Protein backbone atom coordinates (compact mmCIF):
# COMPACT_ATOMS: atom_id res chain seq x y z
CA MET A 1 53.96 114.31 -17.74
CA LYS A 2 54.23 114.29 -21.32
CA LYS A 3 53.37 117.47 -22.88
CA ALA A 4 51.78 117.37 -26.13
CA ARG A 5 52.88 118.29 -29.81
CA ALA A 6 52.15 121.19 -31.72
CA VAL A 7 53.61 123.08 -34.86
CA PHE A 8 54.17 126.66 -34.69
CA VAL A 9 54.55 128.46 -38.57
CA SER A 10 54.97 131.95 -38.84
CA ARG A 11 57.20 134.60 -41.47
CA ASN A 12 56.68 137.33 -38.76
CA PHE A 13 59.52 135.90 -36.48
CA PRO A 14 62.77 136.43 -35.37
CA PRO A 15 65.22 137.67 -36.27
CA VAL A 16 62.84 139.76 -38.58
CA SER A 17 61.82 142.62 -36.42
CA GLY A 18 58.43 144.35 -35.48
CA GLY A 19 55.14 144.44 -33.54
CA MET A 20 54.02 141.57 -35.11
CA GLU A 21 57.32 139.55 -34.68
CA ARG A 22 57.73 140.38 -30.78
CA LEU A 23 53.98 139.60 -30.54
CA ASN A 24 54.67 135.42 -32.94
CA TYR A 25 57.78 135.56 -30.07
CA HIS A 26 56.16 135.91 -27.21
CA GLY A 27 53.50 133.25 -28.60
CA TYR A 28 55.97 130.65 -29.41
CA LEU A 29 57.28 131.17 -25.63
CA ALA A 30 54.11 130.54 -24.35
CA LEU A 31 53.05 127.97 -25.90
CA ARG A 32 56.33 125.83 -24.95
CA GLN A 33 55.29 126.11 -21.57
CA VAL A 34 52.52 123.55 -22.07
CA PHE A 35 53.45 121.78 -25.84
CA ASP A 36 56.35 120.42 -27.14
CA LEU A 37 56.89 122.79 -30.03
CA SER A 38 58.38 122.52 -33.41
CA VAL A 39 58.58 125.84 -35.62
CA SER A 40 58.72 126.53 -38.99
CA GLY A 41 59.47 129.74 -38.96
CA PRO A 42 62.14 132.24 -41.53
CA GLU A 43 65.76 132.28 -42.47
CA GLY A 44 67.57 132.59 -39.08
CA ALA A 45 64.79 131.50 -36.69
CA ARG A 46 67.02 128.66 -35.37
CA ALA A 47 68.86 130.84 -32.83
CA TYR A 48 65.59 132.34 -30.90
CA LEU A 49 64.36 129.12 -30.04
CA LEU A 50 65.10 127.71 -26.55
CA GLY A 51 66.05 124.04 -25.71
CA GLY A 52 67.06 122.66 -29.20
CA ASP A 53 63.16 123.15 -30.03
CA ALA A 54 63.28 121.50 -33.32
CA CYS A 55 63.24 124.09 -36.44
CA ARG A 56 62.92 124.31 -40.10
CA GLU A 57 63.91 127.60 -41.62
CA ASN A 58 62.42 128.72 -45.21
CA PRO A 59 63.83 131.34 -47.66
CA THR A 60 62.36 134.56 -46.31
CA LEU A 61 62.63 136.52 -49.85
CA PRO A 62 60.83 136.75 -52.56
CA LEU A 63 57.73 136.13 -50.25
CA PHE A 64 56.50 133.04 -53.44
CA ASN A 65 59.58 131.22 -52.30
CA PHE A 66 59.02 131.57 -48.77
CA LEU A 67 55.46 130.28 -49.17
CA VAL A 68 56.21 127.57 -51.32
CA HIS A 69 59.39 126.46 -48.70
CA CYS A 70 56.60 127.15 -45.65
CA GLN A 71 53.66 125.22 -47.21
CA TRP A 72 56.64 121.91 -47.54
CA ASN A 73 58.27 122.34 -44.14
CA THR A 74 55.41 122.84 -42.38
CA LEU A 75 53.53 119.69 -43.60
CA LYS A 76 57.14 117.41 -43.18
CA MET A 77 57.26 118.75 -39.85
CA ALA A 78 53.52 117.87 -38.59
CA LEU A 79 53.83 114.36 -40.25
CA ALA A 80 57.30 114.06 -38.63
CA THR A 81 55.82 114.91 -35.20
CA ARG A 82 52.25 114.07 -35.50
CA PRO A 83 51.03 117.17 -33.43
CA GLU A 84 47.54 118.02 -31.83
CA LEU A 85 47.93 121.62 -32.62
CA VAL A 86 49.35 123.97 -35.59
CA PHE A 87 49.38 127.32 -34.71
CA SER A 88 49.80 129.97 -37.28
CA GLY A 89 51.37 133.26 -36.65
CA SER A 90 49.51 135.06 -38.81
CA GLY A 91 46.94 135.33 -42.36
CA LEU A 92 49.75 134.70 -44.58
CA THR A 93 51.04 131.00 -43.33
CA ALA A 94 47.00 130.20 -42.91
CA PRO A 95 46.96 127.32 -45.66
CA ALA A 96 50.56 125.79 -44.30
CA ALA A 97 49.27 125.46 -41.17
CA LEU A 98 46.11 124.26 -42.53
CA LEU A 99 46.93 121.76 -44.89
CA ALA A 100 49.58 120.24 -42.24
CA GLY A 101 46.75 120.20 -39.54
CA ARG A 102 43.97 118.52 -42.29
CA VAL A 103 46.87 116.20 -43.20
CA VAL A 104 47.13 115.40 -39.21
CA LYS A 105 43.74 115.94 -37.84
CA ALA A 106 45.21 118.67 -35.41
CA GLU A 107 43.18 121.35 -34.67
CA VAL A 108 44.56 124.63 -36.38
CA VAL A 109 44.62 127.77 -35.11
CA CYS A 110 45.61 131.12 -36.42
CA TYR A 111 46.82 134.47 -34.85
CA LEU A 112 44.94 137.36 -37.00
CA HIS A 113 46.02 140.88 -37.65
CA GLY A 114 43.84 143.35 -38.70
CA LEU A 115 45.60 143.42 -42.52
CA ASP A 116 45.52 139.51 -42.50
CA ILE A 117 41.53 140.60 -42.78
CA VAL A 118 41.79 143.25 -45.49
CA ALA A 119 44.45 142.67 -47.67
CA ASP A 120 42.78 143.31 -51.20
CA GLN A 121 45.31 141.72 -53.47
CA TRP A 122 43.41 139.17 -55.47
CA ILE A 123 45.68 136.52 -55.04
CA TYR A 124 45.65 137.17 -51.37
CA LYS A 125 41.52 136.77 -51.04
CA SER A 126 41.42 134.25 -53.03
CA ILE A 127 43.71 131.53 -51.10
CA PHE A 128 44.32 133.08 -47.94
CA VAL A 129 41.28 134.47 -46.54
CA PRO A 130 39.16 130.86 -47.87
CA ALA A 131 41.99 129.18 -45.03
CA ILE A 132 41.54 131.35 -42.55
CA ARG A 133 37.89 131.37 -42.81
CA LYS A 134 38.56 127.11 -42.61
CA CYS A 135 40.79 127.20 -39.30
CA ASP A 136 39.39 125.99 -36.18
CA LEU A 137 39.86 128.97 -34.24
CA LEU A 138 41.10 132.67 -34.63
CA LEU A 139 42.85 134.28 -32.62
CA VAL A 140 42.10 138.89 -32.82
CA ASN A 141 44.52 141.25 -31.70
CA SER A 142 41.35 143.52 -30.86
CA GLN A 143 37.79 143.56 -31.18
CA SER A 144 38.18 145.94 -34.26
CA THR A 145 39.89 143.10 -35.99
CA ALA A 146 37.31 140.27 -34.25
CA ALA A 147 34.29 142.18 -36.26
CA LEU A 148 36.08 142.51 -39.83
CA ALA A 149 36.73 138.61 -39.31
CA GLY A 150 33.01 138.66 -39.12
CA LYS A 151 32.46 140.80 -42.32
CA ALA A 152 35.01 138.28 -43.78
CA GLY A 153 32.49 135.19 -43.07
CA VAL A 154 34.10 133.68 -40.06
CA CYS A 155 31.89 132.36 -37.14
CA SER A 156 31.99 134.49 -33.84
CA ASP A 157 31.86 131.55 -31.72
CA ARG A 158 35.33 130.92 -33.91
CA VAL A 159 36.63 133.87 -32.87
CA LYS A 160 38.36 134.54 -29.67
CA VAL A 161 40.40 138.11 -28.53
CA VAL A 162 43.72 138.28 -27.07
CA TYR A 163 45.53 141.44 -26.85
CA PRO A 164 48.97 141.74 -27.87
CA GLY A 165 51.63 142.38 -24.82
CA VAL A 166 54.32 145.19 -23.32
CA THR A 167 57.19 144.77 -21.75
CA ILE A 168 57.24 146.88 -18.87
CA PRO A 169 60.14 148.88 -17.83
CA ASP A 170 62.13 149.50 -14.97
CA TRP A 171 61.18 152.77 -13.58
CA ARG A 172 63.85 152.91 -11.33
CA GLN A 173 66.23 154.01 -14.69
CA ARG A 174 63.39 156.61 -15.73
CA ASP A 175 65.63 159.41 -14.82
CA LEU A 176 69.01 158.09 -16.07
CA ALA A 177 67.60 156.50 -19.31
CA ARG A 178 65.90 160.39 -20.19
CA ALA A 179 68.85 162.16 -19.40
CA GLU A 180 71.26 159.74 -21.75
CA PHE A 181 68.88 159.23 -24.15
CA ARG A 182 68.55 163.27 -24.85
CA GLU A 183 72.06 163.63 -24.59
CA ALA A 184 72.97 161.11 -26.87
CA PHE A 185 71.14 162.71 -29.64
CA ASN A 186 71.34 165.83 -28.94
CA VAL A 187 67.91 166.78 -27.53
CA GLY A 188 68.69 168.98 -24.90
CA THR A 189 65.26 170.67 -22.87
CA ARG A 190 63.02 170.04 -26.22
CA ARG A 191 59.78 169.21 -25.73
CA VAL A 192 59.83 165.95 -27.92
CA LEU A 193 56.69 164.08 -29.99
CA LEU A 194 57.86 160.68 -30.24
CA SER A 195 56.64 158.74 -33.57
CA VAL A 196 57.38 154.67 -33.11
CA GLY A 197 57.00 152.04 -36.27
CA ARG A 198 57.68 150.83 -39.57
CA LEU A 199 57.19 153.86 -42.12
CA THR A 200 54.30 152.57 -44.39
CA GLU A 201 51.75 154.73 -45.88
CA ARG A 202 49.43 153.22 -43.32
CA LYS A 203 51.20 155.25 -40.40
CA GLY A 204 50.29 158.44 -42.06
CA LEU A 205 53.54 161.17 -41.18
CA ALA A 206 53.82 163.29 -44.20
CA GLN A 207 50.19 164.03 -43.33
CA PHE A 208 50.95 164.75 -40.11
CA ILE A 209 53.54 166.88 -41.07
CA ARG A 210 51.71 168.58 -43.85
CA GLU A 211 48.81 169.15 -41.74
CA ALA A 212 49.71 169.45 -38.01
CA LEU A 213 53.56 169.68 -37.47
CA PRO A 214 53.19 173.85 -38.60
CA GLY A 215 50.35 174.79 -35.86
CA ILE A 216 52.08 172.35 -33.44
CA VAL A 217 55.25 174.45 -33.91
CA HIS A 218 53.50 177.81 -33.57
CA ALA A 219 52.12 176.68 -30.68
CA VAL A 220 55.04 175.08 -29.29
CA PRO A 221 58.59 176.60 -30.91
CA ASP A 222 60.73 174.61 -29.18
CA VAL A 223 59.08 171.13 -30.23
CA LEU A 224 61.06 168.20 -31.58
CA PHE A 225 59.17 165.33 -33.89
CA LEU A 226 61.35 162.40 -33.49
CA ILE A 227 60.76 159.37 -35.58
CA ILE A 228 62.11 155.97 -35.18
CA GLY A 229 61.51 153.17 -37.79
CA GLU A 230 62.18 152.26 -41.38
CA GLU A 231 60.48 151.38 -44.49
CA PRO A 232 60.08 147.72 -43.77
CA THR A 233 61.71 144.70 -46.11
CA PHE A 234 59.12 141.81 -45.20
CA ALA A 235 55.54 143.57 -45.15
CA LEU A 236 52.86 141.89 -47.04
CA LYS A 237 51.35 145.43 -47.95
CA HIS A 238 53.79 148.03 -48.58
CA LYS A 239 53.92 151.24 -50.82
CA LYS A 240 57.85 152.19 -51.38
CA GLY A 241 58.66 155.59 -51.11
CA THR A 242 57.20 156.32 -47.75
CA LEU A 243 60.40 158.03 -46.19
CA GLN A 244 60.98 159.46 -48.89
CA GLU A 245 57.46 161.47 -49.19
CA ILE A 246 58.15 162.18 -45.42
CA SER A 247 61.18 163.95 -46.31
CA GLU A 248 59.85 166.00 -48.66
CA ALA A 249 56.85 167.03 -46.34
CA VAL A 250 59.56 168.10 -43.95
CA ILE A 251 61.11 170.35 -46.62
CA ALA A 252 57.74 171.97 -47.94
CA THR A 253 57.16 173.02 -44.42
CA ARG A 254 60.27 174.42 -43.87
CA LEU A 255 60.72 172.33 -40.38
CA GLU A 256 64.15 170.78 -41.08
CA ALA A 257 64.86 172.03 -37.50
CA HIS A 258 61.53 170.65 -35.87
CA VAL A 259 62.17 166.85 -37.23
CA ARG A 260 64.67 164.15 -36.88
CA ILE A 261 64.69 160.71 -38.40
CA LEU A 262 66.52 157.99 -36.48
CA GLY A 263 65.67 154.81 -38.17
CA SER A 264 66.09 151.76 -36.43
CA VAL A 265 66.71 151.05 -33.09
CA GLY A 266 67.62 148.91 -30.63
CA ASP A 267 65.39 147.92 -27.35
CA ASP A 268 67.08 149.95 -25.29
CA VAL A 269 67.22 152.83 -26.80
CA LEU A 270 63.89 152.39 -28.11
CA SER A 271 62.89 152.16 -24.35
CA GLU A 272 64.95 155.56 -23.37
CA ALA A 273 63.07 157.04 -25.90
CA TYR A 274 59.56 155.90 -24.70
CA PHE A 275 61.27 157.49 -21.22
CA ALA A 276 62.84 160.75 -23.11
CA ALA A 277 59.85 161.76 -25.04
CA ASP A 278 56.91 164.16 -23.85
CA LEU A 279 54.12 162.56 -26.15
CA LEU A 280 53.60 160.09 -28.71
CA VAL A 281 51.44 160.93 -31.79
CA PHE A 282 49.93 158.15 -33.56
CA PRO A 283 48.14 159.62 -36.72
CA VAL A 284 46.96 156.60 -38.62
CA LEU A 285 45.48 157.18 -41.76
CA GLU A 286 41.71 155.16 -42.83
CA LEU A 287 43.29 152.87 -45.89
CA PRO A 288 40.82 151.08 -48.38
CA GLY A 289 42.91 147.50 -47.83
CA ASP A 290 45.15 148.70 -45.00
CA VAL A 291 44.08 148.81 -41.66
CA GLU A 292 45.89 149.30 -37.79
CA GLY A 293 44.48 146.03 -36.11
CA PHE A 294 45.60 147.75 -32.85
CA GLY A 295 48.34 149.95 -31.99
CA MET A 296 51.18 148.36 -29.57
CA VAL A 297 53.33 151.21 -29.71
CA ALA A 298 50.60 152.86 -27.85
CA THR A 299 50.88 150.60 -24.64
CA GLU A 300 54.48 150.29 -24.96
CA ALA A 301 54.28 154.15 -24.19
CA ALA A 302 51.54 154.08 -21.95
CA ALA A 303 54.22 151.41 -19.57
CA HIS A 304 57.01 154.25 -19.75
CA GLY A 305 54.05 156.40 -18.54
CA LEU A 306 53.74 158.55 -21.99
CA ALA A 307 50.39 159.22 -23.48
CA THR A 308 49.96 159.18 -26.75
CA VAL A 309 47.70 161.02 -28.63
CA ALA A 310 45.84 159.21 -31.96
CA PHE A 311 43.67 159.19 -34.27
CA SER A 312 40.54 156.80 -33.30
CA VAL A 313 40.79 154.49 -36.46
CA GLY A 314 40.62 150.53 -35.89
CA GLY A 315 41.81 148.96 -33.10
CA VAL A 316 44.27 151.92 -31.91
CA ALA A 317 40.90 152.92 -29.27
CA GLU A 318 41.44 149.85 -27.31
CA ALA A 319 45.31 150.37 -27.05
CA VAL A 320 44.80 154.00 -26.27
CA ALA A 321 42.09 154.93 -23.40
CA ASP A 322 40.77 158.54 -24.15
CA ASN A 323 41.80 160.73 -21.46
CA VAL A 324 43.46 157.77 -19.04
CA SER A 325 46.30 157.12 -21.66
CA GLY A 326 46.78 159.95 -24.08
CA ARG A 327 43.98 161.48 -26.34
CA LEU A 328 41.63 159.89 -29.16
CA VAL A 329 41.11 162.56 -32.16
CA PRO A 330 38.34 161.66 -35.05
CA PRO A 331 39.93 160.62 -38.07
CA GLY A 332 41.38 162.57 -40.36
CA ASP A 333 40.55 165.62 -37.75
CA TYR A 334 44.30 167.71 -38.02
CA GLU A 335 42.89 170.52 -36.61
CA GLY A 336 41.92 168.44 -33.33
CA MET A 337 45.09 166.48 -33.29
CA VAL A 338 46.97 169.63 -33.07
CA GLU A 339 44.48 170.92 -30.19
CA ALA A 340 45.02 167.93 -28.14
CA ILE A 341 48.70 167.70 -28.85
CA VAL A 342 49.42 171.17 -27.31
CA GLN A 343 47.28 170.56 -24.57
CA SER A 344 48.79 167.41 -23.86
CA ILE A 345 52.00 168.28 -24.14
CA GLU A 346 51.81 171.23 -22.01
CA ARG A 347 50.70 169.26 -19.19
CA PRO A 348 53.19 168.19 -16.65
CA SER A 349 54.68 164.59 -17.58
CA GLY A 350 53.77 163.22 -13.76
CA GLU A 351 49.99 163.93 -14.47
CA TRP A 352 50.08 161.08 -17.28
CA ALA A 353 52.52 158.99 -16.01
CA SER A 354 50.36 156.91 -13.27
CA SER A 355 47.34 156.31 -15.18
CA CYS A 356 49.61 155.53 -18.13
CA PHE A 357 51.07 152.63 -16.12
CA ALA A 358 47.49 151.75 -14.51
CA HIS A 359 46.63 151.43 -18.59
CA ALA A 360 49.34 149.14 -19.32
CA GLN A 361 49.05 146.44 -16.81
CA ASN A 362 46.37 145.43 -18.94
CA PHE A 363 48.35 144.82 -21.46
CA THR A 364 51.25 142.81 -19.78
CA TRP A 365 53.29 139.79 -21.58
CA GLU A 366 51.93 137.51 -18.96
CA ARG A 367 48.55 138.14 -19.76
CA PHE A 368 49.08 137.61 -23.01
CA SER A 369 50.13 134.41 -22.28
CA GLU A 370 47.41 133.67 -19.94
CA ARG A 371 45.05 134.58 -22.56
CA LEU A 372 46.48 132.87 -25.50
CA LEU A 373 47.28 129.54 -23.38
CA SER A 374 43.11 129.71 -21.96
CA ALA A 375 41.95 129.92 -25.86
CA VAL A 376 44.35 127.29 -27.45
CA GLN A 377 43.84 124.85 -24.52
C-alpha cells in the first residue's frame, strides 16, 4: 500500500549532537515506517538519512540564516511533495512547519521541549510561540511541559505526552566496560559521581561544586566528580562562560583532585561511563525563562543500572522515580543533596541496578516510536 507523505523539519538533527538531536533522529526513524518522508534539516543531515529520503539542508549558523533558509526550503519541499503531515522537531521550526502545512493543507505537528515554551526572548515570544499555538497537534516530552503549554494558551486537547526514549545497553558487557573506562581514564577504585549533558547555566554544575561537593568530599574522601559535556554551539538559549565558571568553582573550593572535565565523548565511551560510575548527579536550577523539560540523561543512566540524585525541577521528577531509580531533592536544597548523594553512593550498586533497569523499560525507543505513531495517526 502506498504510504502517506510527510515533511520532517528540525534544526536539532544529526550531525548536530545532543539529547534533542537523538530524540529527533528516532522520531524520523519512527515516522518513516508509515510515511514517505522528506527532511528539511541542518547542514550534513543528508548523510544520516536512510533509503535515499529526500533532503534539503539549511546552513546551521548563524541562527537567522538557518531560519530564513529553513522557511523557504520547507515550503518548497511541501509544494513539491504535497504531504499530508508536516512535523516540526521543536518550537524553533514551528513557523516553517506551520506556513508549509497551511499552504498545502497538511496537518501540522510540533514536538515541544520545555524551553520551547518558556524562552523569554521577545522575538521568540512574538513569532514562534504564536506559531506553536496554531499547530494542529503538540507532542510534549513530559507532563511538566504539557502544563507549560497550557499556561501559554494551548488547548489541552491538542497536547499529547510522548516521553523521550533510551537505548538499553548490553548488560553482559557491564563489567568489562566498567573496567575499561576506569583504566582508560585512570579512575582506579575511586567512587565516581557523573554528570552528563551540555554545559549550560541551567545544569547548575558550578553551584553544585561550590555548595555540595565539599561536603561530599568530606564524607567520601576518595570521590571523583567526572563531567562529560561541552558548551553548546547551536543552543537557542545559552550564556557563554559556563565552562569557565565551573573551572573557577573548582579552584575556589580547592577540589582540583576531585573534579575532572572530560568534554564531549562518543556514544560508546558514554555508555562505558554510565557503567563505570557509582551515581549520576543532576543538580538542575530553576531559572526564569529556562527549564528542564524532562532529563533524558537520568533515563539513560537508569538503563545502565545507575541511579540519579537530582533536584526535582521541571520534568526531572518524571525522569527520576524517587527511591526507584534514584533520589529527588527539593530545588536548591544543597544540604539535602549532599545527604542523598552520600547515602546513595554508599549503597551497593546492585541494590539500585534492578529497579533502575525496570524504570528504564518505560522509556525505550520502541515505546517512544509507538507513542509517537499513535499520536500522529
